[in-house]
Amino acid sequence: MLTLSSIVLFVLIAVAVLPLLLVGILFLFAQFNLPIPTKLVDVVRIALNVAWSVGAILNIVGGLALAAVAVWLPVHNPTRTHLVLAPLLVGAGLWRLWRGVTAFPRKG
């Protein structure tokens, strides 16, 4: 399981960093007054869309997990603190879920 989590973490970091690296390459092309290849611009656009979509999926999963833990915790450990914080955590989880759903790139 450690290997699987390491692979997932590596892939998520690569998806987040690759668009930044490609934008840096575009910046270098512009600084040295070189013609910017249109294929590179297309790859940057695709990489940014993939990174944005992966971030949206992570927000959806994280929001559902946060809301689920907020519902589960007071049921299994009904202390006053958990009863007070549960509605706040449910709200935060649903907000994160909403941010993930609305963050998908639009066609057009």
PDB file of N, CA and C in Angstrom:
ATOM      1  N   MET A   1       0.824  -1.197   0.000  1.00  0.00           N
ATOM      2  CA  MET A   1       0.000   0.000   0.000  1.00  0.00           C
ATOM      3  C   MET A   1       0.864   1.255   0.000  1.00  0.00           C
ATOM      4  N   LEU A   2       2.030   1.175   0.613  1.00  0.00           N
ATOM      5  CA  LEU A   2       2.925   2.317   0.620  1.00  0.00           C
ATOM      6  C   LEU A   2       3.370   2.659  -0.795  1.00  0.00           C
ATOM      7  N   THR A   3       3.620   1.654  -1.596  1.00  0.00           N
ATOM      8  CA  THR A   3       4.039   1.902  -2.969  1.00  0.00           C
ATOM      9  C   THR A   3       2.918   2.551  -3.777  1.00  0.00           C
ATOM     10  N   LEU A   4       1.697   2.088  -3.611  1.00  0.00           N
ATOM     11  CA  LEU A   4       0.570   2.665  -4.338  1.00  0.00           C
ATOM     12  C   LEU A   4       0.365   4.130  -3.951  1.00  0.00           C
ATOM     13  N   SER A   5       0.438   4.416  -2.658  1.00  0.00           N
ATOM     14  CA  SER A   5       0.267   5.806  -2.230  1.00  0.00           C
ATOM     15  C   SER A   5       1.427   6.674  -2.725  1.00  0.00           C
ATOM     16  N   SER A   6       2.619   6.125  -2.790  1.00  0.00           N
ATOM     17  CA  SER A   6       3.758   6.879  -3.312  1.00  0.00           C
ATOM     18  C   SER A   6       3.577   7.174  -4.792  1.00  0.00           C
ATOM     19  N   ILE A   7       3.083   6.200  -5.544  1.00  0.00           N
ATOM     20  CA  ILE A   7       2.858   6.406  -6.974  1.00  0.00           C
ATOM     21  C   ILE A   7       1.780   7.454  -7.193  1.00  0.00           C
ATOM     22  N   VAL A   8       0.691   7.372  -6.444  1.00  0.00           N
ATOM     23  CA  VAL A   8      -0.395   8.343  -6.579  1.00  0.00           C
ATOM     24  C   VAL A   8       0.109   9.740  -6.227  1.00  0.00           C
ATOM     25  N   LEU A   9       0.870   9.856  -5.158  1.00  0.00           N
ATOM     26  CA  LEU A   9       1.421  11.147  -4.772  1.00  0.00           C
ATOM     27  C   LEU A   9       2.352  11.696  -5.842  1.00  0.00           C
ATOM     28  N   PHE A  10       3.203  10.848  -6.407  1.00  0.00           N
ATOM     29  CA  PHE A  10       4.116  11.281  -7.471  1.00  0.00           C
ATOM     30  C   PHE A  10       3.341  11.767  -8.692  1.00  0.00           C
ATOM     31  N   VAL A  11       2.300  11.048  -9.082  1.00  0.00           N
ATOM     32  CA  VAL A  11       1.504  11.432 -10.250  1.00  0.00           C
ATOM     33  C   VAL A  11       0.792  12.760  -9.998  1.00  0.00           C
ATOM     34  N   LEU A  12       0.232  12.940  -8.807  1.00  0.00           N
ATOM     35  CA  LEU A  12      -0.455  14.191  -8.497  1.00  0.00           C
ATOM     36  C   LEU A  12       0.501  15.385  -8.512  1.00  0.00           C
ATOM     37  N   ILE A  13       1.700  15.192  -7.986  1.00  0.00           N
ATOM     38  CA  ILE A  13       2.693  16.259  -8.010  1.00  0.00           C
ATOM     39  C   ILE A  13       3.120  16.554  -9.448  1.00  0.00           C
ATOM     40  N   ALA A  14       3.301  15.507 -10.252  1.00  0.00           N
ATOM     41  CA  ALA A  14       3.689  15.711 -11.646  1.00  0.00           C
ATOM     42  C   ALA A  14       2.607  16.444 -12.421  1.00  0.00           C
ATOM     43  N   VAL A  15       1.345  16.101 -12.168  1.00  0.00           N
ATOM     44  CA  VAL A  15       0.239  16.776 -12.861  1.00  0.00           C
ATOM     45  C   VAL A  15       0.181  18.244 -12.462  1.00  0.00           C
ATOM     46  N   ALA A  16       0.517  18.550 -11.229  1.00  0.00           N
ATOM     47  CA  ALA A  16       0.476  19.937 -10.776  1.00  0.00           C
ATOM     48  C   ALA A  16       1.672  20.750 -11.275  1.00  0.00           C
ATOM     49  N   VAL A  17       2.833  20.126 -11.415  1.00  0.00           N
ATOM     50  CA  VAL A  17       4.052  20.859 -11.746  1.00  0.00           C
ATOM     51  C   VAL A  17       4.274  20.967 -13.257  1.00  0.00           C
ATOM     52  N   LEU A  18       3.823  19.994 -14.028  1.00  0.00           N
ATOM     53  CA  LEU A  18       4.076  19.993 -15.469  1.00  0.00           C
ATOM     54  C   LEU A  18       3.584  21.259 -16.171  1.00  0.00           C
ATOM     55  N   PRO A  19       2.357  21.739 -15.913  1.00  0.00           N
ATOM     56  CA  PRO A  19       1.947  22.982 -16.584  1.00  0.00           C
ATOM     57  C   PRO A  19       2.831  24.173 -16.231  1.00  0.00           C
ATOM     58  N   LEU A  20       3.278  24.230 -14.982  1.00  0.00           N
ATOM     59  CA  LEU A  20       4.165  25.334 -14.590  1.00  0.00           C
ATOM     60  C   LEU A  20       5.490  25.267 -15.328  1.00  0.00           C
ATOM     61  N   LEU A  21       6.020  24.078 -15.487  1.00  0.00           N
ATOM     62  CA  LEU A  21       7.265  23.905 -16.231  1.00  0.00           C
ATOM     63  C   LEU A  21       7.077  24.306 -17.690  1.00  0.00           C
ATOM     64  N   LEU A  22       5.971  23.907 -18.282  1.00  0.00           N
ATOM     65  CA  LEU A  22       5.724  24.250 -19.681  1.00  0.00           C
ATOM     66  C   LEU A  22       5.507  25.756 -19.872  1.00  0.00           C
ATOM     67  N   VAL A  23       4.826  26.389 -18.940  1.00  0.00           N
ATOM     68  CA  VAL A  23       4.646  27.841 -19.014  1.00  0.00           C
ATOM     69  C   VAL A  23       6.004  28.535 -18.858  1.00  0.00           C
ATOM     70  N   GLY A  24       6.873  27.993 -18.025  1.00  0.00           N
ATOM     71  CA  GLY A  24       8.226  28.540 -17.910  1.00  0.00           C
ATOM     72  C   GLY A  24       9.004  28.435 -19.204  1.00  0.00           C
ATOM     73  N   ILE A  25       8.825  27.323 -19.916  1.00  0.00           N
ATOM     74  CA  ILE A  25       9.484  27.173 -21.220  1.00  0.00           C
ATOM     75  C   ILE A  25       8.933  28.193 -22.211  1.00  0.00           C
ATOM     76  N   LEU A  26       7.609  28.409 -22.195  1.00  0.00           N
ATOM     77  CA  LEU A  26       7.019  29.432 -23.059  1.00  0.00           C
ATOM     78  C   LEU A  26       7.574  30.812 -22.723  1.00  0.00           C
ATOM     79  N   PHE A  27       7.752  31.084 -21.441  1.00  0.00           N
ATOM     80  CA  PHE A  27       8.313  32.362 -21.008  1.00  0.00           C
ATOM     81  C   PHE A  27       9.736  32.541 -21.542  1.00  0.00           C
ATOM     82  N   LEU A  28      10.527  31.472 -21.492  1.00  0.00           N
ATOM     83  CA  LEU A  28      11.891  31.557 -22.020  1.00  0.00           C
ATOM     84  C   LEU A  28      11.890  31.815 -23.527  1.00  0.00           C
ATOM     85  N   PHE A  29      10.986  31.157 -24.249  1.00  0.00           N
ATOM     86  CA  PHE A  29      10.863  31.429 -25.682  1.00  0.00           C
ATOM     87  C   PHE A  29      10.571  32.906 -25.920  1.00  0.00           C
ATOM     88  N   ALA A  30       9.653  33.454 -25.130  1.00  0.00           N
ATOM     89  CA  ALA A  30       9.281  34.855 -25.306  1.00  0.00           C
ATOM     90  C   ALA A  30      10.428  35.795 -24.931  1.00  0.00           C
ATOM     91  N   GLN A  31      11.178  35.483 -23.896  1.00  0.00           N
ATOM     92  CA  GLN A  31      12.267  36.349 -23.459  1.00  0.00           C
ATOM     93  C   GLN A  31      13.411  36.400 -24.465  1.00  0.00           C
ATOM     94  N   PHE A  32      13.656  35.288 -25.151  1.00  0.00           N
ATOM     95  CA  PHE A  32      14.739  35.252 -26.130  1.00  0.00           C
ATOM     96  C   PHE A  32      14.251  35.545 -27.548  1.00  0.00           C
ATOM     97  N   ASN A  33      13.017  36.050 -27.665  1.00  0.00           N
ATOM     98  CA  ASN A  33      12.426  36.427 -28.950  1.00  0.00           C
ATOM     99  C   ASN A  33      12.474  35.287 -29.968  1.00  0.00           C
ATOM    100  N   LEU A  34      12.215  34.080 -29.490  1.00  0.00           N
ATOM    101  CA  LEU A  34      12.157  32.918 -30.370  1.00  0.00           C
ATOM    102  C   LEU A  34      10.705  32.674 -30.777  1.00  0.00           C
ATOM    103  N   PRO A  35      10.487  32.113 -31.939  1.00  0.00           N
ATOM    104  CA  PRO A  35       9.106  31.802 -32.327  1.00  0.00           C
ATOM    105  C   PRO A  35       8.541  30.688 -31.423  1.00  0.00           C
ATOM    106  N   ILE A  36       7.366  30.917 -30.913  1.00  0.00           N
ATOM    107  CA  ILE A  36       6.754  29.958 -29.996  1.00  0.00           C
ATOM    108  C   ILE A  36       6.016  28.903 -30.817  1.00  0.00           C
ATOM    109  N   PRO A  37       6.394  27.635 -30.665  1.00  0.00           N
ATOM    110  CA  PRO A  37       5.720  26.585 -31.438  1.00  0.00           C
ATOM    111  C   PRO A  37       4.259  26.435 -30.999  1.00  0.00           C
ATOM    112  N   THR A  38       3.389  26.332 -31.975  1.00  0.00           N
ATOM    113  CA  THR A  38       1.961  26.199 -31.640  1.00  0.00           C
ATOM    114  C   THR A  38       1.675  24.861 -30.974  1.00  0.00           C
ATOM    115  N   LYS A  39       2.458  23.841 -31.291  1.00  0.00           N
ATOM    116  CA  LYS A  39       2.272  22.548 -30.630  1.00  0.00           C
ATOM    117  C   LYS A  39       2.541  22.672 -29.133  1.00  0.00           C
ATOM    118  N   LEU A  40       3.536  23.464 -28.771  1.00  0.00           N
ATOM    119  CA  LEU A  40       3.838  23.657 -27.352  1.00  0.00           C
ATOM    120  C   LEU A  40       2.704  24.389 -26.648  1.00  0.00           C
ATOM    121  N   VAL A  41       2.113  25.346 -27.315  1.00  0.00           N
ATOM    122  CA  VAL A  41       0.972  26.057 -26.733  1.00  0.00           C
ATOM    123  C   VAL A  41      -0.204  25.096 -26.530  1.00  0.00           C
ATOM    124  N   ASP A  42      -0.418  24.215 -27.505  1.00  0.00           N
ATOM    125  CA  ASP A  42      -1.488  23.220 -27.372  1.00  0.00           C
ATOM    126  C   ASP A  42      -1.220  22.256 -26.214  1.00  0.00           C
ATOM    127  N   VAL A  43       0.040  21.845 -26.067  1.00  0.00           N
ATOM    128  CA  VAL A  43       0.390  20.939 -24.960  1.00  0.00           C
ATOM    129  C   VAL A  43       0.194  21.646 -23.620  1.00  0.00           C
ATOM    130  N   VAL A  44       0.550  22.915 -23.541  1.00  0.00           N
ATOM    131  CA  VAL A  44       0.358  23.677 -22.301  1.00  0.00           C
ATOM    132  C   VAL A  44      -1.136  23.776 -21.962  1.00  0.00           C
ATOM    133  N   ARG A  45      -1.956  24.032 -22.981  1.00  0.00           N
ATOM    134  CA  ARG A  45      -3.403  24.135 -22.757  1.00  0.00           C
ATOM    135  C   ARG A  45      -3.971  22.811 -22.249  1.00  0.00           C
ATOM    136  N   ILE A  46      -3.545  21.715 -22.856  1.00  0.00           N
ATOM    137  CA  ILE A  46      -4.025  20.399 -22.420  1.00  0.00           C
ATOM    138  C   ILE A  46      -3.543  20.090 -21.011  1.00  0.00           C
ATOM    139  N   ALA A  47      -2.273  20.393 -20.718  1.00  0.00           N
ATOM    140  CA  ALA A  47      -1.735  20.129 -19.378  1.00  0.00           C
ATOM    141  C   ALA A  47      -2.459  20.959 -18.316  1.00  0.00           C
ATOM    142  N   LEU A  48      -2.778  22.206 -18.642  1.00  0.00           N
ATOM    143  CA  LEU A  48      -3.523  23.037 -17.690  1.00  0.00           C
ATOM    144  C   LEU A  48      -4.932  22.498 -17.464  1.00  0.00           C
ATOM    145  N   ASN A  49      -5.584  22.035 -18.532  1.00  0.00           N
ATOM    146  CA  ASN A  49      -6.918  21.450 -18.376  1.00  0.00           C
ATOM    147  C   ASN A  49      -6.879  20.178 -17.537  1.00  0.00           C
ATOM    148  N   VAL A  50      -5.863  19.349 -17.744  1.00  0.00           N
ATOM    149  CA  VAL A  50      -5.733  18.120 -16.953  1.00  0.00           C
ATOM    150  C   VAL A  50      -5.479  18.457 -15.484  1.00  0.00           C
ATOM    151  N   ALA A  51      -4.582  19.401 -15.234  1.00  0.00           N
ATOM    152  CA  ALA A  51      -4.288  19.788 -13.851  1.00  0.00           C
ATOM    153  C   ALA A  51      -5.529  20.361 -13.173  1.00  0.00           C
ATOM    154  N   TRP A  52      -6.276  21.191 -13.892  1.00  0.00           N
ATOM    155  CA  TRP A  52      -7.493  21.787 -13.329  1.00  0.00           C
ATOM    156  C   TRP A  52      -8.530  20.707 -13.033  1.00  0.00           C
ATOM    157  N   SER A  53      -8.675  19.733 -13.934  1.00  0.00           N
ATOM    158  CA  SER A  53      -9.643  18.652 -13.742  1.00  0.00           C
ATOM    159  C   SER A  53      -9.252  17.746 -12.577  1.00  0.00           C
ATOM    160  N   VAL A  54      -7.971  17.439 -12.465  1.00  0.00           N
ATOM    161  CA  VAL A  54      -7.515  16.610 -11.339  1.00  0.00           C
ATOM    162  C   VAL A  54      -7.745  17.342 -10.021  1.00  0.00           C
ATOM    163  N   GLY A  55      -7.482  18.642 -10.002  1.00  0.00           N
ATOM    164  CA  GLY A  55      -7.755  19.424  -8.798  1.00  0.00           C
ATOM    165  C   GLY A  55      -9.232  19.441  -8.454  1.00  0.00           C
ATOM    166  N   ALA A  56     -10.082  19.512  -9.471  1.00  0.00           N
ATOM    167  CA  ALA A  56     -11.528  19.487  -9.228  1.00  0.00           C
ATOM    168  C   ALA A  56     -11.957  18.142  -8.659  1.00  0.00           C
ATOM    169  N   ILE A  57     -11.405  17.057  -9.195  1.00  0.00           N
ATOM    170  CA  ILE A  57     -11.744  15.723  -8.678  1.00  0.00           C
ATOM    171  C   ILE A  57     -11.272  15.577  -7.242  1.00  0.00           C
ATOM    172  N   LEU A  58     -10.089  16.082  -6.934  1.00  0.00           N
ATOM    173  CA  LEU A  58      -9.598  16.023  -5.555  1.00  0.00           C
ATOM    174  C   LEU A  58     -10.486  16.831  -4.616  1.00  0.00           C
ATOM    175  N   ASN A  59     -10.985  17.968  -5.077  1.00  0.00           N
ATOM    176  CA  ASN A  59     -11.905  18.747  -4.250  1.00  0.00           C
ATOM    177  C   ASN A  59     -13.206  17.998  -4.012  1.00  0.00           C
ATOM    178  N   ILE A  60     -13.711  17.314  -5.032  1.00  0.00           N
ATOM    179  CA  ILE A  60     -14.944  16.543  -4.869  1.00  0.00           C
ATOM    180  C   ILE A  60     -14.742  15.423  -3.857  1.00  0.00           C
ATOM    181  N   VAL A  61     -13.668  14.663  -4.023  1.00  0.00           N
ATOM    182  CA  VAL A  61     -13.403  13.546  -3.103  1.00  0.00           C
ATOM    183  C   VAL A  61     -13.128  14.058  -1.689  1.00  0.00           C
ATOM    184  N   GLY A  62     -12.337  15.112  -1.583  1.00  0.00           N
ATOM    185  CA  GLY A  62     -12.040  15.678  -0.263  1.00  0.00           C
ATOM    186  C   GLY A  62     -13.273  16.245   0.412  1.00  0.00           C
ATOM    187  N   GLY A  63     -14.146  16.892  -0.353  1.00  0.00           N
ATOM    188  CA  GLY A  63     -15.377  17.430   0.216  1.00  0.00           C
ATOM    189  C   GLY A  63     -16.306  16.344   0.709  1.00  0.00           C
ATOM    190  N   LEU A  64     -16.442  15.285  -0.074  1.00  0.00           N
ATOM    191  CA  LEU A  64     -17.276  14.158   0.371  1.00  0.00           C
ATOM    192  C   LEU A  64     -16.686  13.496   1.615  1.00  0.00           C
ATOM    193  N   ALA A  65     -15.377  13.338   1.646  1.00  0.00           N
ATOM    194  CA  ALA A  65     -14.736  12.720   2.814  1.00  0.00           C
ATOM    195  C   ALA A  65     -14.891  13.596   4.054  1.00  0.00           C
ATOM    196  N   LEU A  66     -14.733  14.890   3.907  1.00  0.00           N
ATOM    197  CA  LEU A  66     -14.882  15.800   5.042  1.00  0.00           C
ATOM    198  C   LEU A  66     -16.314  15.796   5.572  1.00  0.00           C
ATOM    199  N   ALA A  67     -17.286  15.808   4.674  1.00  0.00           N
ATOM    200  CA  ALA A  67     -18.682  15.757   5.108  1.00  0.00           C
ATOM    201  C   ALA A  67     -19.000  14.420   5.756  1.00  0.00           C
ATOM    202  N   ALA A  68     -18.464  13.330   5.228  1.00  0.00           N
ATOM    203  CA  ALA A  68     -18.723  12.011   5.806  1.00  0.00           C
ATOM    204  C   ALA A  68     -18.122  11.885   7.203  1.00  0.00           C
ATOM    205  N   VAL A  69     -16.912  12.378   7.385  1.00  0.00           N
ATOM    206  CA  VAL A  69     -16.289  12.334   8.718  1.00  0.00           C
ATOM    207  C   VAL A  69     -17.053  13.220   9.692  1.00  0.00           C
ATOM    208  N   ALA A  70     -17.543  14.352   9.206  1.00  0.00           N
ATOM    209  CA  ALA A  70     -18.301  15.262  10.074  1.00  0.00           C
ATOM    210  C   ALA A  70     -19.615  14.643  10.514  1.00  0.00           C
ATOM    211  N   VAL A  71     -20.202  13.796   9.699  1.00  0.00           N
ATOM    212  CA  VAL A  71     -21.436  13.106  10.100  1.00  0.00           C
ATOM    213  C   VAL A  71     -21.108  11.912  10.993  1.00  0.00           C
ATOM    214  N   TRP A  72     -20.018  11.209  10.697  1.00  0.00           N
ATOM    215  CA  TRP A  72     -19.673   9.995  11.430  1.00  0.00           C
ATOM    216  C   TRP A  72     -19.173  10.289  12.845  1.00  0.00           C
ATOM    217  N   LEU A  73     -18.382  11.330  13.021  1.00  0.00           N
ATOM    218  CA  LEU A  73     -17.726  11.582  14.302  1.00  0.00           C
ATOM    219  C   LEU A  73     -18.696  11.806  15.460  1.00  0.00           C
ATOM    220  N   PRO A  74     -19.697  12.650  15.353  1.00  0.00           N
ATOM    221  CA  PRO A  74     -20.595  12.833  16.499  1.00  0.00           C
ATOM    222  C   PRO A  74     -21.453  11.606  16.791  1.00  0.00           C
ATOM    223  N   VAL A  75     -21.660  10.776  15.794  1.00  0.00           N
ATOM    224  CA  VAL A  75     -22.444   9.560  16.027  1.00  0.00           C
ATOM    225  C   VAL A  75     -21.653   8.585  16.894  1.00  0.00           C
ATOM    226  N   HIS A  76     -20.361   8.491  16.657  1.00  0.00           N
ATOM    227  CA  HIS A  76     -19.538   7.530  17.392  1.00  0.00           C
ATOM    228  C   HIS A  76     -18.853   8.118  18.617  1.00  0.00           C
ATOM    229  N   ASN A  77     -18.786   9.424  18.723  1.00  0.00           N
ATOM    230  CA  ASN A  77     -18.178  10.060  19.881  1.00  0.00           C
ATOM    231  C   ASN A  77     -18.947  11.358  20.164  1.00  0.00           C
ATOM    232  N   PRO A  78     -20.108  11.242  20.803  1.00  0.00           N
ATOM    233  CA  PRO A  78     -20.984  12.417  20.926  1.00  0.00           C
ATOM    234  C   PRO A  78     -20.587  13.380  22.051  1.00  0.00           C
ATOM    235  N   THR A  79     -19.406  13.942  21.970  1.00  0.00           N
ATOM    236  CA  THR A  79     -19.040  14.970  22.941  1.00  0.00           C
ATOM    237  C   THR A  79     -19.588  16.312  22.445  1.00  0.00           C
ATOM    238  N   ARG A  80     -19.612  17.274  23.320  1.00  0.00           N
ATOM    239  CA  ARG A  80     -20.173  18.577  22.972  1.00  0.00           C
ATOM    240  C   ARG A  80     -19.389  19.250  21.841  1.00  0.00           C
ATOM    241  N   THR A  81     -18.075  19.104  21.896  1.00  0.00           N
ATOM    242  CA  THR A  81     -17.243  19.716  20.860  1.00  0.00           C
ATOM    243  C   THR A  81     -17.567  19.140  19.484  1.00  0.00           C
ATOM    244  N   HIS A  82     -17.706  17.823  19.423  1.00  0.00           N
ATOM    245  CA  HIS A  82     -18.003  17.194  18.144  1.00  0.00           C
ATOM    246  C   HIS A  82     -19.402  17.559  17.660  1.00  0.00           C
ATOM    247  N   LEU A  83     -20.326  17.683  18.568  1.00  0.00           N
ATOM    248  CA  LEU A  83     -21.688  18.061  18.176  1.00  0.00           C
ATOM    249  C   LEU A  83     -21.744  19.495  17.652  1.00  0.00           C
ATOM    250  N   VAL A  84     -20.898  20.363  18.190  1.00  0.00           N
ATOM    251  CA  VAL A  84     -20.882  21.757  17.734  1.00  0.00           C
ATOM    252  C   VAL A  84     -20.125  21.897  16.417  1.00  0.00           C
ATOM    253  N   LEU A  85     -19.017  21.173  16.273  1.00  0.00           N
ATOM    254  CA  LEU A  85     -18.187  21.318  15.082  1.00  0.00           C
ATOM    255  C   LEU A  85     -18.709  20.550  13.874  1.00  0.00           C
ATOM    256  N   ALA A  86     -19.547  19.550  14.092  1.00  0.00           N
ATOM    257  CA  ALA A  86     -20.037  18.724  12.978  1.00  0.00           C
ATOM    258  C   ALA A  86     -20.761  19.542  11.905  1.00  0.00           C
ATOM    259  N   PRO A  87     -21.696  20.432  12.258  1.00  0.00           N
ATOM    260  CA  PRO A  87     -22.344  21.206  11.182  1.00  0.00           C
ATOM    261  C   PRO A  87     -21.370  22.115  10.418  1.00  0.00           C
ATOM    262  N   LEU A  88     -20.359  22.622  11.103  1.00  0.00           N
ATOM    263  CA  LEU A  88     -19.365  23.447  10.414  1.00  0.00           C
ATOM    264  C   LEU A  88     -18.548  22.622   9.423  1.00  0.00           C
ATOM    265  N   LEU A  89     -18.184  21.397   9.850  1.00  0.00           N
ATOM    266  CA  LEU A  89     -17.418  20.538   8.957  1.00  0.00           C
ATOM    267  C   LEU A  89     -18.251  20.047   7.786  1.00  0.00           C
ATOM    268  N   VAL A  90     -19.524  19.775   8.027  1.00  0.00           N
ATOM    269  CA  VAL A  90     -20.402  19.387   6.920  1.00  0.00           C
ATOM    270  C   VAL A  90     -20.494  20.542   5.920  1.00  0.00           C
ATOM    271  N   GLY A  91     -20.656  21.744   6.430  1.00  0.00           N
ATOM    272  CA  GLY A  91     -20.703  22.907   5.546  1.00  0.00           C
ATOM    273  C   GLY A  91     -19.421  23.081   4.756  1.00  0.00           C
ATOM    274  N   ALA A  92     -18.287  22.905   5.423  1.00  0.00           N
ATOM    275  CA  ALA A  92     -17.004  23.036   4.726  1.00  0.00           C
ATOM    276  C   ALA A  92     -16.838  21.936   3.677  1.00  0.00           C
ATOM    277  N   GLY A  93     -17.264  20.729   3.998  1.00  0.00           N
ATOM    278  CA  GLY A  93     -17.182  19.630   3.035  1.00  0.00           C
ATOM    279  C   GLY A  93     -18.068  19.861   1.825  1.00  0.00           C
ATOM    280  N   LEU A  94     -19.289  20.336   2.060  1.00  0.00           N
ATOM    281  CA  LEU A  94     -20.196  20.606   0.939  1.00  0.00           C
ATOM    282  C   LEU A  94     -19.702  21.781   0.094  1.00  0.00           C
ATOM    283  N   TRP A  95     -19.096  22.784   0.765  1.00  0.00           N
ATOM    284  CA  TRP A  95     -18.527  23.907   0.020  1.00  0.00           C
ATOM    285  C   TRP A  95     -17.392  23.426  -0.878  1.00  0.00           C
ATOM    286  N   ARG A  96     -16.529  22.554  -0.334  1.00  0.00           N
ATOM    287  CA  ARG A  96     -15.416  22.029  -1.128  1.00  0.00           C
ATOM    288  C   ARG A  96     -15.937  21.150  -2.264  1.00  0.00           C
ATOM    289  N   LEU A  97     -16.977  20.396  -2.011  1.00  0.00           N
ATOM    290  CA  LEU A  97     -17.607  19.596  -3.057  1.00  0.00           C
ATOM    291  C   LEU A  97     -18.129  20.499  -4.171  1.00  0.00           C
ATOM    292  N   TRP A  98     -18.802  21.581  -3.794  1.00  0.00           N
ATOM    293  CA  TRP A  98     -19.332  22.522  -4.772  1.00  0.00           C
ATOM    294  C   TRP A  98     -18.209  23.167  -5.584  1.00  0.00           C
ATOM    295  N   ARG A  99     -17.121  23.540  -4.922  1.00  0.00           N
ATOM    296  CA  ARG A  99     -15.987  24.137  -5.628  1.00  0.00           C
ATOM    297  C   ARG A  99     -15.393  23.150  -6.636  1.00  0.00           C
ATOM    298  N   GLY A 100     -15.368  21.871  -6.258  1.00  0.00           N
ATOM    299  CA  GLY A 100     -14.852  20.867  -7.183  1.00  0.00           C
ATOM    300  C   GLY A 100     -15.755  20.660  -8.380  1.00  0.00           C
ATOM    301  N   VAL A 101     -17.065  20.652  -8.164  1.00  0.00           N
ATOM    302  CA  VAL A 101     -18.008  20.433  -9.263  1.00  0.00           C
ATOM    303  C   VAL A 101     -17.990  21.611 -10.224  1.00  0.00           C
ATOM    304  N   THR A 102     -17.909  22.820  -9.703  1.00  0.00           N
ATOM    305  CA  THR A 102     -17.950  24.000 -10.576  1.00  0.00           C
ATOM    306  C   THR A 102     -16.598  24.339 -11.188  1.00  0.00           C
ATOM    307  N   ALA A 103     -15.540  23.626 -10.827  1.00  0.00           N
ATOM    308  CA  ALA A 103     -14.202  23.972 -11.311  1.00  0.00           C
ATOM    309  C   ALA A 103     -13.827  23.287 -12.615  1.00  0.00           C
ATOM    310  N   PHE A 104     -14.649  22.363 -13.101  1.00  0.00           N
ATOM    311  CA  PHE A 104     -14.289  21.677 -14.334  1.00  0.00           C
ATOM    312  C   PHE A 104     -14.220  22.663 -15.491  1.00  0.00           C
ATOM    313  N   PRO A 105     -13.210  22.520 -16.364  1.00  0.00           N
ATOM    314  CA  PRO A 105     -13.092  23.440 -17.505  1.00  0.00           C
ATOM    315  C   PRO A 105     -14.314  23.335 -18.422  1.00  0.00           C
ATOM    316  N   ARG A 106     -14.758  24.451 -18.910  1.00  0.00           N
ATOM    317  CA  ARG A 106     -15.913  24.497 -19.799  1.00  0.00           C
ATOM    318  C   ARG A 106     -15.447  24.407 -21.248  1.00  0.00           C
ATOM    319  N   LYS A 107     -16.232  23.767 -22.041  1.00  0.00           N
ATOM    320  CA  LYS A 107     -15.939  23.713 -23.480  1.00  0.00           C
ATOM    321  C   LYS A 107     -16.411  25.003 -24.121  1.00  0.00           C
ATOM    322  N   GLY A 108     -15.666  25.482 -25.073  1.00  0.00           N
ATOM    323  CA  GLY A 108     -16.138  26.654 -25.783  1.00  0.00           C
ATOM    324  C   GLY A 108     -15.194  27.714 -25.865  1.00  0.00           C
TER     325      GLY A 108
END
